[in-house]
Protein backbone atom coordinates (compact mmCIF):
# COMPACT_ATOMS: atom_id res chain seq x y z
CA MET A 1 1.07 2.27 33.13
CA ASN A 2 2.45 -0.56 35.23
CA THR A 3 6.23 -0.33 35.62
CA ASN A 4 6.49 -3.99 34.56
CA GLN A 5 4.92 -3.26 31.19
CA LEU A 6 6.97 -2.34 28.18
CA LYS A 7 5.41 0.00 25.69
CA ILE A 8 6.76 -0.43 22.18
CA ILE A 9 6.21 2.34 19.69
CA ALA A 10 7.15 1.70 16.11
CA GLU A 11 8.46 4.70 14.28
CA TYR A 12 8.13 4.60 10.52
CA GLY A 13 9.37 6.90 7.82
CA LEU A 14 8.89 7.30 4.09
CA GLY A 15 11.50 4.61 3.45
CA ASP A 16 9.34 2.09 5.31
CA VAL A 17 6.32 2.51 3.02
CA LYS A 18 5.61 -0.51 0.82
CA VAL A 19 3.08 -0.90 -1.98
CA PHE A 20 1.11 -4.14 -1.68
CA GLN A 21 -0.72 -5.64 -4.69
CA ILE A 22 -3.72 -6.83 -2.70
CA CYS A 23 -6.04 -7.65 -5.58
CA GLU A 24 -6.07 -7.78 -9.34
CA CYS A 25 -6.93 -4.08 -9.69
CA ASP A 26 -5.39 -2.20 -6.79
CA ALA A 27 -2.16 -1.80 -4.87
CA VAL A 28 -2.16 -0.08 -1.50
CA ALA A 29 0.68 1.93 0.02
CA ALA A 30 1.09 1.26 3.74
CA TYR A 31 3.70 0.41 6.35
CA THR A 32 2.45 -3.15 6.82
CA LEU A 33 0.37 -5.67 4.91
CA ASP A 34 -2.23 -5.83 7.68
CA GLU A 35 -2.57 -2.06 7.59
CA ALA A 36 -3.02 -2.16 3.80
CA ILE A 37 -5.69 -4.86 3.96
CA ASP A 38 -7.63 -3.20 6.78
CA TYR A 39 -7.60 0.14 4.96
CA TYR A 40 -8.72 -1.36 1.65
CA LYS A 41 -11.51 -3.44 3.16
CA GLU A 42 -12.84 -0.45 5.10
CA LEU A 43 -12.64 1.83 2.05
CA THR A 44 -14.18 -0.55 -0.49
CA GLY A 45 -16.27 -2.93 1.60
CA VAL A 46 -14.76 -5.96 -0.15
CA SER A 47 -14.48 -9.30 1.61
CA ASP A 48 -11.36 -11.37 2.16
CA GLU A 49 -12.45 -13.64 -0.68
CA GLU A 50 -12.17 -10.75 -3.14
CA LEU A 51 -8.55 -10.09 -2.18
CA TYR A 52 -5.50 -12.14 -3.01
CA HIS A 53 -4.77 -14.76 -0.35
CA TYR A 54 -2.66 -13.23 2.44
CA ASP A 55 0.40 -15.35 1.63
CA GLU A 56 0.19 -14.52 -2.08
CA ILE A 57 0.16 -10.72 -1.77
CA GLU A 58 3.34 -9.29 -3.23
CA ILE A 59 5.18 -6.05 -2.66
CA VAL A 60 5.35 -4.00 -5.84
CA SER A 61 8.93 -3.16 -6.78
CA PRO A 62 9.77 0.49 -6.08
CA ASP A 63 11.59 0.52 -9.43
CA LEU A 64 8.56 -0.59 -11.44
CA LYS A 65 7.64 2.04 -14.02
CA VAL A 66 3.96 2.85 -14.35
CA TYR A 67 1.90 5.49 -16.10
CA GLU A 68 1.24 8.43 -13.85
CA ASP A 69 -2.20 9.22 -15.22
CA GLU A 70 -5.04 7.80 -17.27
CA GLU A 71 -3.84 9.60 -20.40
CA ARG A 72 -0.61 7.57 -20.24
CA THR A 73 1.49 10.64 -20.82
CA GLY A 74 4.51 9.77 -18.72
CA LEU A 75 6.16 6.92 -16.87
CA VAL A 76 7.29 7.23 -13.26
CA THR A 77 8.56 4.70 -10.77
CA VAL A 78 6.44 3.42 -7.90
CA LYS A 79 9.03 4.98 -5.58
CA GLU A 80 8.43 8.39 -7.18
CA LEU A 81 4.67 8.01 -6.70
CA VAL A 82 5.14 7.15 -3.03
CA GLU A 83 7.47 10.10 -2.52
CA ARG A 84 5.00 12.42 -4.23
CA TYR A 85 1.67 11.22 -2.81
CA TRP A 86 2.33 9.52 0.55
CA ASP A 87 0.53 11.41 3.32
CA ASN A 88 1.46 9.27 6.33
CA LYS A 89 -1.59 7.04 5.99
CA PRO A 90 -2.56 4.12 3.74
CA CYS A 91 -3.87 4.92 0.29
CA ILE A 92 -4.46 3.27 -3.07
CA MET A 93 -1.23 3.97 -4.91
CA LEU A 94 -1.84 1.97 -8.10
CA SER A 95 -5.14 1.15 -9.75
CA THR A 96 -6.07 -0.40 -13.05
CA GLU A 97 -9.25 -1.49 -14.75
CA VAL A 98 -9.66 -5.16 -15.54
């Protein structure tokens, strides 16, 4: 590495994880919106047109209560889901059928 170059390494932790509602059905947990979109497109093969417009994607509130499973047996917060299921890589954290 050239001594004139500066290498920047971002360090993220669990507190930096956000859940992005990228389309009508799914919300992706990731550190950044770009990371969430790239992951989702690679996983599902959807095009940009099938996702919400970049500027309209919202971060899901960590305090939002959602059902933990399809049987709708218990409510948990999005923050609890992230703490329980985050594995240091993007993943679909919330999903619903339309």
